């Protein structure tokens, strides 16, 4: 005859609560993890696209400053139209500031062309697959490397300024000699 202990349910109550709590915590943790992971992924994706947009803007500026990419100004206007245009320009104050042209260098023009192709937003994939993300990261790294090359060739951007200062007022910050 099987003896049933009337206190068996009470003695196993802790184990039952533990199991229920564990299963509920596991399911809520999975849900919270997915939400947090999605939020983190969206943040990082947005940051990458913002940076790629900044690089694309740089490529446009450099392309417009490169002499070999500028359109030749062949005038199809009559001399009277040119005279009217120059008079209206003289009457108005121009706030347009123009950047200096870059040196005519075919190697620089080639780098700018490749950089623009790498950074253009039209051909970037917004898919959330391993292959698309890997392709984006590869293009981003190559675009950053091209930007550094162009900055050094042009002599602007992060390449300027010489050695970096520690900012603590040390003698190395004011010395003309570079630290090794």
N, C-alpha and C. Protein backbone atom coordinates (compact mmCIF):
# COMPACT_ATOMS: atom_id res chain seq x y z
N UNK A 1 0.83 -1.15 0.00
CA UNK A 1 0.00 0.00 0.00
C UNK A 1 0.89 1.24 0.00
N UNK A 2 0.55 2.12 -0.83
CA UNK A 2 1.35 3.32 -0.94
C UNK A 2 0.92 4.32 0.11
N UNK A 3 1.91 4.78 0.79
CA UNK A 3 1.59 5.79 1.80
C UNK A 3 1.83 7.15 1.18
N UNK A 4 0.88 7.95 1.29
CA UNK A 4 1.03 9.31 0.78
C UNK A 4 1.20 10.24 1.96
N UNK A 5 2.16 11.05 1.82
CA UNK A 5 2.45 12.00 2.88
C UNK A 5 1.59 13.23 2.64
N UNK A 6 0.76 13.61 3.59
CA UNK A 6 -0.10 14.78 3.40
C UNK A 6 0.72 16.07 3.33
N UNK A 7 1.95 16.07 3.80
CA UNK A 7 2.78 17.28 3.77
C UNK A 7 3.68 17.34 2.54
N UNK A 8 3.55 16.39 1.62
CA UNK A 8 4.40 16.33 0.43
C UNK A 8 4.26 17.60 -0.41
N UNK A 9 3.03 18.07 -0.61
CA UNK A 9 2.81 19.28 -1.39
C UNK A 9 3.45 20.49 -0.71
N UNK A 10 3.35 20.55 0.58
CA UNK A 10 3.90 21.69 1.32
C UNK A 10 5.43 21.64 1.29
N UNK A 11 6.01 20.46 1.39
CA UNK A 11 7.46 20.33 1.38
C UNK A 11 8.04 20.64 0.00
N UNK A 12 7.31 20.40 -1.05
CA UNK A 12 7.78 20.67 -2.41
C UNK A 12 7.36 22.06 -2.89
N UNK A 13 6.76 22.85 -2.03
CA UNK A 13 6.29 24.19 -2.41
C UNK A 13 7.46 25.08 -2.85
N UNK A 14 8.57 25.02 -2.13
CA UNK A 14 9.72 25.85 -2.47
C UNK A 14 10.26 25.47 -3.86
N UNK A 15 10.37 24.20 -4.13
CA UNK A 15 10.84 23.73 -5.44
C UNK A 15 9.90 24.18 -6.55
N UNK A 16 8.60 24.12 -6.28
CA UNK A 16 7.60 24.54 -7.27
C UNK A 16 7.71 26.04 -7.55
N UNK A 17 7.84 26.86 -6.49
CA UNK A 17 7.99 28.30 -6.68
C UNK A 17 9.29 28.63 -7.41
N UNK A 18 10.35 27.90 -7.08
CA UNK A 18 11.62 28.12 -7.75
C UNK A 18 11.49 27.82 -9.24
N UNK A 19 10.87 26.71 -9.59
CA UNK A 19 10.69 26.33 -11.00
C UNK A 19 9.84 27.35 -11.73
N UNK A 20 8.73 27.76 -11.11
CA UNK A 20 7.86 28.76 -11.75
C UNK A 20 8.60 30.08 -11.94
N UNK A 21 9.31 30.53 -10.91
CA UNK A 21 10.07 31.78 -11.00
C UNK A 21 11.17 31.71 -12.04
N UNK A 22 11.86 30.58 -12.08
CA UNK A 22 12.93 30.41 -13.06
C UNK A 22 12.38 30.47 -14.48
N UNK A 23 11.31 29.75 -14.75
CA UNK A 23 10.72 29.72 -16.09
C UNK A 23 10.18 31.09 -16.49
N UNK A 24 9.53 31.77 -15.55
CA UNK A 24 9.00 33.10 -15.84
C UNK A 24 10.16 34.09 -16.08
N UNK A 25 11.20 34.03 -15.26
CA UNK A 25 12.37 34.90 -15.45
C UNK A 25 13.08 34.63 -16.75
N UNK A 26 13.14 33.36 -17.13
CA UNK A 26 13.78 33.00 -18.39
C UNK A 26 13.02 33.58 -19.57
N UNK A 27 11.71 33.46 -19.58
CA UNK A 27 10.92 33.98 -20.70
C UNK A 27 10.96 35.51 -20.73
N UNK A 28 10.89 36.16 -19.56
CA UNK A 28 10.97 37.62 -19.54
C UNK A 28 12.37 38.10 -19.91
N UNK A 29 13.39 37.35 -19.51
CA UNK A 29 14.76 37.70 -19.87
C UNK A 29 15.01 37.60 -21.37
N UNK A 30 14.43 36.59 -21.97
CA UNK A 30 14.56 36.44 -23.43
C UNK A 30 13.91 37.63 -24.13
N UNK A 31 12.72 37.99 -23.68
CA UNK A 31 12.01 39.13 -24.27
C UNK A 31 12.80 40.42 -24.06
N UNK A 32 13.26 40.66 -22.83
CA UNK A 32 14.02 41.88 -22.54
C UNK A 32 15.34 41.89 -23.31
N UNK A 33 15.97 40.74 -23.44
CA UNK A 33 17.22 40.65 -24.19
C UNK A 33 17.03 40.97 -25.66
N UNK A 34 15.93 40.51 -26.22
CA UNK A 34 15.64 40.83 -27.62
C UNK A 34 15.40 42.32 -27.80
N UNK A 35 14.65 42.91 -26.87
CA UNK A 35 14.38 44.35 -26.96
C UNK A 35 15.68 45.14 -26.82
N UNK A 36 16.48 44.77 -25.83
CA UNK A 36 17.74 45.47 -25.61
C UNK A 36 18.69 45.27 -26.79
N UNK A 37 18.75 44.07 -27.31
CA UNK A 37 19.60 43.79 -28.47
C UNK A 37 19.16 44.56 -29.70
N UNK A 38 17.86 44.63 -29.90
CA UNK A 38 17.34 45.39 -31.05
C UNK A 38 17.66 46.87 -30.90
N UNK A 39 17.46 47.41 -29.69
CA UNK A 39 17.77 48.82 -29.44
C UNK A 39 19.25 49.09 -29.66
N UNK A 40 20.09 48.22 -29.13
CA UNK A 40 21.53 48.38 -29.30
C UNK A 40 21.92 48.30 -30.77
N UNK A 41 21.33 47.36 -31.49
CA UNK A 41 21.61 47.22 -32.92
C UNK A 41 21.19 48.45 -33.71
N UNK A 42 20.03 48.99 -33.38
CA UNK A 42 19.57 50.20 -34.06
C UNK A 42 20.49 51.38 -33.76
N UNK A 43 20.93 51.51 -32.51
CA UNK A 43 21.85 52.58 -32.14
C UNK A 43 23.14 52.49 -32.94
N UNK A 44 23.74 51.31 -32.94
CA UNK A 44 25.01 51.13 -33.62
C UNK A 44 24.86 51.30 -35.13
N UNK A 45 23.78 50.79 -35.68
CA UNK A 45 23.53 50.97 -37.11
C UNK A 45 23.37 52.43 -37.47
N UNK A 46 22.64 53.17 -36.64
CA UNK A 46 22.45 54.60 -36.88
C UNK A 46 23.79 55.33 -36.81
N UNK A 47 24.61 55.01 -35.81
CA UNK A 47 25.92 55.65 -35.68
C UNK A 47 26.78 55.38 -36.91
N UNK A 48 26.74 54.16 -37.41
CA UNK A 48 27.53 53.82 -38.60
C UNK A 48 27.05 54.60 -39.82
N UNK A 49 25.74 54.70 -39.98
CA UNK A 49 25.22 55.42 -41.14
C UNK A 49 25.48 56.92 -41.03
N UNK A 50 25.46 57.47 -39.82
CA UNK A 50 25.79 58.88 -39.64
C UNK A 50 27.25 59.12 -40.04
N UNK A 51 28.12 58.25 -39.59
CA UNK A 51 29.54 58.39 -39.92
C UNK A 51 29.76 58.22 -41.43
N UNK A 52 29.06 57.28 -42.04
CA UNK A 52 29.19 57.10 -43.48
C UNK A 52 28.64 58.34 -44.21
N UNK A 53 27.60 58.95 -43.69
CA UNK A 53 27.08 60.18 -44.28
C UNK A 53 28.08 61.32 -44.18
N UNK A 54 28.78 61.39 -43.05
CA UNK A 54 29.81 62.41 -42.89
C UNK A 54 30.94 62.19 -43.90
N UNK A 55 31.33 60.95 -44.08
CA UNK A 55 32.36 60.64 -45.07
C UNK A 55 31.89 60.97 -46.48
N UNK A 56 30.61 60.70 -46.76
CA UNK A 56 30.06 61.02 -48.08
C UNK A 56 30.10 62.53 -48.32
N UNK A 57 29.77 63.30 -47.29
CA UNK A 57 29.85 64.75 -47.40
C UNK A 57 31.27 65.22 -47.70
N UNK A 58 32.25 64.61 -47.03
CA UNK A 58 33.64 64.95 -47.30
C UNK A 58 34.00 64.63 -48.75
N UNK A 59 33.50 63.49 -49.23
CA UNK A 59 33.84 63.10 -50.61
C UNK A 59 33.26 64.09 -51.61
N UNK A 60 32.07 64.60 -51.33
CA UNK A 60 31.47 65.59 -52.23
C UNK A 60 32.27 66.88 -52.22
N UNK A 61 32.68 67.32 -51.03
CA UNK A 61 33.47 68.56 -50.94
C UNK A 61 34.79 68.39 -51.68
N UNK A 62 35.47 67.28 -51.45
CA UNK A 62 36.75 67.07 -52.13
C UNK A 62 36.57 66.92 -53.63
N UNK A 63 35.51 66.27 -54.06
CA UNK A 63 35.27 66.13 -55.50
C UNK A 63 35.03 67.49 -56.14
N UNK A 64 34.31 68.37 -55.45
CA UNK A 64 34.05 69.70 -55.99
C UNK A 64 35.28 70.59 -55.95
N UNK A 65 36.23 70.27 -55.11
CA UNK A 65 37.47 71.05 -55.04
C UNK A 65 38.54 70.51 -55.99
N UNK A 66 38.34 69.32 -56.53
CA UNK A 66 39.33 68.71 -57.42
C UNK A 66 39.14 69.27 -58.82
N UNK A 67 40.19 69.85 -59.40
CA UNK A 67 40.06 70.49 -60.72
C UNK A 67 39.60 69.55 -61.83
N UNK A 68 40.01 68.30 -61.81
CA UNK A 68 39.65 67.40 -62.91
C UNK A 68 38.17 67.00 -62.88
N UNK A 69 37.46 67.21 -61.76
CA UNK A 69 36.04 66.88 -61.68
C UNK A 69 35.14 68.09 -61.93
N UNK A 70 35.71 69.28 -62.01
CA UNK A 70 34.89 70.47 -62.20
C UNK A 70 34.55 70.61 -63.67
N UNK A 71 33.34 71.07 -63.91
CA UNK A 71 32.89 71.27 -65.29
C UNK A 71 33.53 72.52 -65.86
N UNK A 72 33.89 72.45 -67.10
CA UNK A 72 34.42 73.65 -67.74
C UNK A 72 33.28 74.61 -67.97
N UNK A 73 33.57 75.88 -67.79
CA UNK A 73 32.51 76.89 -67.87
C UNK A 73 32.46 77.45 -69.29
N UNK A 74 31.77 76.74 -70.14
CA UNK A 74 31.58 77.19 -71.52
C UNK A 74 30.31 78.01 -71.54
N UNK A 75 30.43 79.22 -71.89
CA UNK A 75 29.29 80.12 -71.82
C UNK A 75 28.41 79.99 -73.05
N UNK A 76 27.14 79.78 -72.81
CA UNK A 76 26.18 79.76 -73.91
C UNK A 76 25.30 81.00 -73.84
N UNK A 77 25.60 81.89 -72.88
CA UNK A 77 24.81 83.10 -72.76
C UNK A 77 25.35 84.16 -73.71
N UNK A 78 24.47 85.05 -74.08
CA UNK A 78 24.90 86.16 -74.93
C UNK A 78 25.64 87.17 -74.05
N UNK A 79 26.33 88.08 -74.68
CA UNK A 79 27.10 89.07 -73.93
C UNK A 79 26.17 89.99 -73.12
N UNK A 80 24.96 90.22 -73.64
CA UNK A 80 24.00 91.06 -72.91
C UNK A 80 23.54 90.35 -71.62
N UNK A 81 23.30 89.05 -71.70
CA UNK A 81 22.90 88.30 -70.51
C UNK A 81 24.02 88.26 -69.48
N UNK A 82 25.26 88.12 -69.95
CA UNK A 82 26.40 88.12 -69.04
C UNK A 82 26.53 89.47 -68.33
N UNK A 83 26.30 90.54 -69.09
CA UNK A 83 26.40 91.88 -68.51
C UNK A 83 25.32 92.10 -67.45
N UNK A 84 24.10 91.64 -67.71
CA UNK A 84 23.01 91.77 -66.74
C UNK A 84 23.32 90.96 -65.48
N UNK A 85 23.85 89.77 -65.66
CA UNK A 85 24.17 88.92 -64.52
C UNK A 85 25.26 89.54 -63.66
N UNK A 86 26.27 90.12 -64.30
CA UNK A 86 27.35 90.74 -63.53
C UNK A 86 26.85 91.97 -62.78
N UNK A 87 25.90 92.72 -63.37
CA UNK A 87 25.35 93.89 -62.69
C UNK A 87 24.53 93.48 -61.47
N UNK A 88 23.77 92.42 -61.58
CA UNK A 88 22.98 91.97 -60.42
C UNK A 88 23.89 91.43 -59.33
N UNK A 89 24.98 90.81 -59.70
CA UNK A 89 25.92 90.31 -58.69
C UNK A 89 26.62 91.45 -57.98
N UNK A 90 26.92 92.54 -58.71
CA UNK A 90 27.59 93.68 -58.09
C UNK A 90 26.67 94.37 -57.10
N UNK A 91 25.38 94.40 -57.39
CA UNK A 91 24.41 95.06 -56.53
C UNK A 91 24.13 94.29 -55.25
N UNK A 92 24.29 93.01 -55.27
CA UNK A 92 24.02 92.18 -54.09
C UNK A 92 25.32 91.87 -53.37
N UNK A 93 25.22 91.80 -52.06
CA UNK A 93 26.39 91.39 -51.29
C UNK A 93 26.44 89.87 -51.29
N UNK A 94 27.53 89.35 -51.67
CA UNK A 94 27.67 87.90 -51.74
C UNK A 94 28.29 87.39 -50.44
N UNK A 95 27.62 86.41 -49.85
CA UNK A 95 28.14 85.79 -48.64
C UNK A 95 28.70 84.41 -48.95
N UNK A 96 28.83 84.11 -50.22
CA UNK A 96 29.36 82.81 -50.61
C UNK A 96 30.87 82.79 -50.37
N UNK A 97 31.29 81.84 -49.61
CA UNK A 97 32.71 81.62 -49.40
C UNK A 97 33.10 80.39 -50.19
N UNK A 98 34.21 80.49 -50.87
CA UNK A 98 34.64 79.37 -51.69
C UNK A 98 35.88 78.75 -51.09
N UNK A 99 35.91 77.44 -51.11
CA UNK A 99 37.09 76.72 -50.67
C UNK A 99 38.12 76.74 -51.78
N UNK A 100 39.36 76.69 -51.40
CA UNK A 100 40.42 76.69 -52.41
C UNK A 100 40.41 75.38 -53.18
N UNK A 101 40.86 75.47 -54.42
CA UNK A 101 40.95 74.25 -55.22
C UNK A 101 42.12 73.41 -54.74
N UNK A 102 41.98 72.13 -54.92
CA UNK A 102 43.07 71.22 -54.59
C UNK A 102 44.06 71.22 -55.74
N UNK A 103 45.26 70.78 -55.47
CA UNK A 103 46.28 70.71 -56.51
C UNK A 103 45.85 69.73 -57.59
N UNK A 104 46.22 70.04 -58.82
CA UNK A 104 45.87 69.14 -59.92
C UNK A 104 46.81 67.94 -59.85
N UNK A 105 46.25 66.84 -59.39
CA UNK A 105 47.03 65.63 -59.17
C UNK A 105 46.13 64.46 -59.54
N UNK A 106 46.54 63.70 -60.53
CA UNK A 106 45.71 62.59 -61.00
C UNK A 106 45.56 61.50 -59.94
N UNK A 107 46.61 61.29 -59.15
CA UNK A 107 46.52 60.30 -58.09
C UNK A 107 45.49 60.72 -57.05
N UNK A 108 45.49 62.00 -56.70
CA UNK A 108 44.52 62.52 -55.76
C UNK A 108 43.11 62.39 -56.33
N UNK A 109 42.95 62.71 -57.61
CA UNK A 109 41.63 62.59 -58.24
C UNK A 109 41.14 61.15 -58.23
N UNK A 110 42.05 60.21 -58.45
CA UNK A 110 41.67 58.80 -58.41
C UNK A 110 41.23 58.39 -57.00
N UNK A 111 41.98 58.83 -56.00
CA UNK A 111 41.61 58.53 -54.61
C UNK A 111 40.25 59.12 -54.26
N UNK A 112 40.00 60.35 -54.68
CA UNK A 112 38.71 61.00 -54.39
C UNK A 112 37.58 60.25 -55.08
N UNK A 113 37.81 59.81 -56.31
CA UNK A 113 36.77 59.07 -57.04
C UNK A 113 36.44 57.75 -56.34
N UNK A 114 37.45 57.01 -55.93
CA UNK A 114 37.23 55.74 -55.22
C UNK A 114 36.57 56.00 -53.87
N UNK A 115 37.01 57.04 -53.18
CA UNK A 115 36.44 57.39 -51.87
C UNK A 115 34.96 57.72 -52.01
N UNK A 116 34.62 58.48 -53.04
CA UNK A 116 33.21 58.83 -53.26
C UNK A 116 32.38 57.58 -53.56
N UNK A 117 32.93 56.67 -54.35
CA UNK A 117 32.21 55.44 -54.66
C UNK A 117 32.01 54.58 -53.41
N UNK A 118 32.98 54.57 -52.52
CA UNK A 118 32.85 53.78 -51.28
C UNK A 118 31.84 54.39 -50.32
N UNK A 119 31.77 55.72 -50.29
CA UNK A 119 30.95 56.39 -49.28
C UNK A 119 29.55 56.75 -49.75
N UNK A 120 29.23 56.53 -51.01
CA UNK A 120 27.91 56.94 -51.48
C UNK A 120 26.81 56.12 -50.82
N UNK A 121 25.76 56.79 -50.44
CA UNK A 121 24.68 56.15 -49.68
C UNK A 121 23.71 55.36 -50.56
N UNK A 122 23.67 55.65 -51.82
CA UNK A 122 22.70 55.01 -52.71
C UNK A 122 22.90 53.50 -52.79
N UNK A 123 24.14 53.06 -52.78
CA UNK A 123 24.41 51.64 -52.97
C UNK A 123 24.63 50.88 -51.65
N UNK A 124 24.46 51.57 -50.52
CA UNK A 124 24.61 50.88 -49.23
C UNK A 124 23.37 50.08 -48.92
N UNK A 125 23.57 48.87 -48.49
CA UNK A 125 22.45 47.99 -48.16
C UNK A 125 21.96 48.26 -46.75
N UNK A 126 20.64 48.22 -46.57
CA UNK A 126 20.06 48.39 -45.24
C UNK A 126 19.51 47.07 -44.71
N UNK A 127 19.89 45.99 -45.34
CA UNK A 127 19.44 44.67 -44.88
C UNK A 127 20.12 44.32 -43.56
N UNK A 128 19.46 43.49 -42.79
CA UNK A 128 20.01 43.06 -41.52
C UNK A 128 20.46 41.61 -41.62
N UNK A 129 21.38 41.37 -42.53
CA UNK A 129 21.94 40.02 -42.68
C UNK A 129 23.44 40.09 -42.44
N UNK A 130 24.02 38.96 -42.15
CA UNK A 130 25.46 38.91 -41.87
C UNK A 130 26.27 39.42 -43.07
N UNK A 131 25.87 39.01 -44.26
CA UNK A 131 26.60 39.40 -45.46
C UNK A 131 26.51 40.91 -45.70
N UNK A 132 25.31 41.48 -45.55
CA UNK A 132 25.12 42.91 -45.79
C UNK A 132 25.87 43.74 -44.75
N UNK A 133 25.83 43.32 -43.49
CA UNK A 133 26.53 44.05 -42.44
C UNK A 133 28.04 43.95 -42.65
N UNK A 134 28.52 42.78 -43.03
CA UNK A 134 29.94 42.61 -43.31
C UNK A 134 30.39 43.46 -44.48
N UNK A 135 29.57 43.54 -45.53
CA UNK A 135 29.88 44.38 -46.68
C UNK A 135 29.93 45.85 -46.27
N UNK A 136 28.96 46.27 -45.47
CA UNK A 136 28.93 47.66 -45.01
C UNK A 136 30.18 47.98 -44.19
N UNK A 137 30.52 47.10 -43.24
CA UNK A 137 31.69 47.33 -42.40
C UNK A 137 32.97 47.38 -43.23
N UNK A 138 33.07 46.52 -44.23
CA UNK A 138 34.23 46.51 -45.11
C UNK A 138 34.33 47.83 -45.88
N UNK A 139 33.21 48.27 -46.44
CA UNK A 139 33.21 49.54 -47.18
C UNK A 139 33.54 50.71 -46.26
N UNK A 140 33.00 50.67 -45.04
CA UNK A 140 33.26 51.74 -44.09
C UNK A 140 34.76 51.82 -43.76
N UNK A 141 35.37 50.68 -43.48
CA UNK A 141 36.80 50.66 -43.16
C UNK A 141 37.64 51.16 -44.33
N UNK A 142 37.29 50.73 -45.53
CA UNK A 142 38.02 51.18 -46.72
C UNK A 142 37.83 52.67 -46.95
N UNK A 143 36.62 53.18 -46.70
CA UNK A 143 36.35 54.61 -46.87
C UNK A 143 37.13 55.43 -45.86
N UNK A 144 37.20 54.97 -44.62
CA UNK A 144 37.98 55.68 -43.59
C UNK A 144 39.45 55.71 -43.98
N UNK A 145 39.97 54.60 -44.48
CA UNK A 145 41.37 54.55 -44.90
C UNK A 145 41.62 55.50 -46.07
N UNK A 146 40.70 55.54 -47.04
CA UNK A 146 40.84 56.47 -48.18
C UNK A 146 40.80 57.91 -47.70
N UNK A 147 39.91 58.19 -46.74
CA UNK A 147 39.81 59.56 -46.22
C UNK A 147 41.13 59.98 -45.58
N UNK A 148 41.77 59.08 -44.86
CA UNK A 148 43.05 59.40 -44.24
C UNK A 148 44.12 59.67 -45.29
N UNK A 149 44.11 58.86 -46.35
CA UNK A 149 45.08 59.06 -47.43
C UNK A 149 44.88 60.42 -48.07
N UNK A 150 43.63 60.75 -48.37
CA UNK A 150 43.33 62.04 -49.02
C UNK A 150 43.67 63.19 -48.08
N UNK A 151 43.34 63.07 -46.80
CA UNK A 151 43.67 64.12 -45.84
C UNK A 151 45.17 64.38 -45.80
N UNK A 152 45.95 63.33 -45.84
CA UNK A 152 47.40 63.50 -45.82
C UNK A 152 47.89 64.14 -47.12
N UNK A 153 47.31 63.74 -48.25
CA UNK A 153 47.72 64.31 -49.54
C UNK A 153 47.35 65.78 -49.62
N UNK A 154 46.18 66.13 -49.09
CA UNK A 154 45.68 67.49 -49.17
C UNK A 154 46.31 68.35 -48.07
N UNK A 155 46.63 67.72 -46.95
CA UNK A 155 47.23 68.45 -45.84
C UNK A 155 46.20 69.08 -44.93
N UNK A 156 45.09 68.43 -44.73
CA UNK A 156 44.05 68.97 -43.85
C UNK A 156 43.46 67.86 -43.02
N UNK A 157 42.61 68.22 -42.11
CA UNK A 157 41.91 67.23 -41.29
C UNK A 157 42.74 66.76 -40.12
N UNK A 158 42.61 65.49 -39.80
CA UNK A 158 43.23 64.94 -38.61
C UNK A 158 44.74 64.84 -38.74
N UNK A 159 45.25 64.86 -39.93
CA UNK A 159 46.68 64.74 -40.13
C UNK A 159 47.44 65.98 -39.72
N UNK A 160 46.77 67.12 -39.55
CA UNK A 160 47.42 68.36 -39.19
C UNK A 160 47.64 68.45 -37.70
N UNK A 161 48.46 69.38 -37.30
CA UNK A 161 48.60 69.67 -35.89
C UNK A 161 49.81 69.03 -35.25
N UNK A 162 50.55 68.22 -35.95
CA UNK A 162 51.73 67.61 -35.38
C UNK A 162 51.40 66.61 -34.29
N UNK A 163 52.29 66.54 -33.32
CA UNK A 163 52.11 65.57 -32.24
C UNK A 163 50.97 66.00 -31.32
N UNK A 164 50.31 65.03 -30.75
CA UNK A 164 49.19 65.33 -29.86
C UNK A 164 49.71 65.66 -28.48
N UNK A 165 49.06 66.61 -27.83
CA UNK A 165 49.43 67.04 -26.50
C UNK A 165 48.69 66.24 -25.46
N UNK A 166 49.36 66.01 -24.33
CA UNK A 166 48.67 65.32 -23.24
C UNK A 166 47.78 66.29 -22.49
N UNK A 167 48.04 67.59 -22.62
CA UNK A 167 47.19 68.60 -22.01
C UNK A 167 47.43 68.80 -20.53
N UNK A 168 48.48 68.19 -19.98
CA UNK A 168 48.72 68.34 -18.55
C UNK A 168 49.79 69.38 -18.25
N UNK A 169 50.22 70.13 -19.25
CA UNK A 169 51.18 71.20 -19.04
C UNK A 169 52.61 70.71 -18.95
N UNK A 170 52.87 69.50 -19.35
CA UNK A 170 54.22 68.95 -19.29
C UNK A 170 55.11 69.65 -20.29
N UNK A 171 56.41 69.56 -20.09
CA UNK A 171 57.38 70.22 -20.95
C UNK A 171 57.28 69.73 -22.39
N UNK A 172 56.85 68.48 -22.57
CA UNK A 172 56.72 67.94 -23.91
C UNK A 172 55.66 68.67 -24.72
N UNK A 173 54.71 69.31 -24.03
CA UNK A 173 53.64 70.01 -24.73
C UNK A 173 54.12 71.30 -25.39
N UNK A 174 55.16 71.93 -24.83
CA UNK A 174 55.62 73.21 -25.35
C UNK A 174 56.94 73.11 -26.06
N UNK A 175 57.57 71.98 -26.01
CA UNK A 175 58.87 71.81 -26.62
C UNK A 175 58.74 71.72 -28.13
N UNK A 176 59.76 72.20 -28.83
CA UNK A 176 59.77 72.08 -30.28
C UNK A 176 60.22 70.70 -30.72
N UNK A 177 60.83 69.98 -29.79
CA UNK A 177 61.28 68.63 -30.11
C UNK A 177 60.14 67.65 -29.90
N UNK A 178 60.07 66.66 -30.74
CA UNK A 178 59.02 65.66 -30.62
C UNK A 178 59.49 64.53 -29.72
N UNK A 179 58.58 64.05 -28.90
CA UNK A 179 58.90 62.93 -28.02
C UNK A 179 59.00 61.66 -28.84
N UNK A 180 59.88 60.76 -28.42
CA UNK A 180 60.04 59.50 -29.15
C UNK A 180 59.09 58.48 -28.68
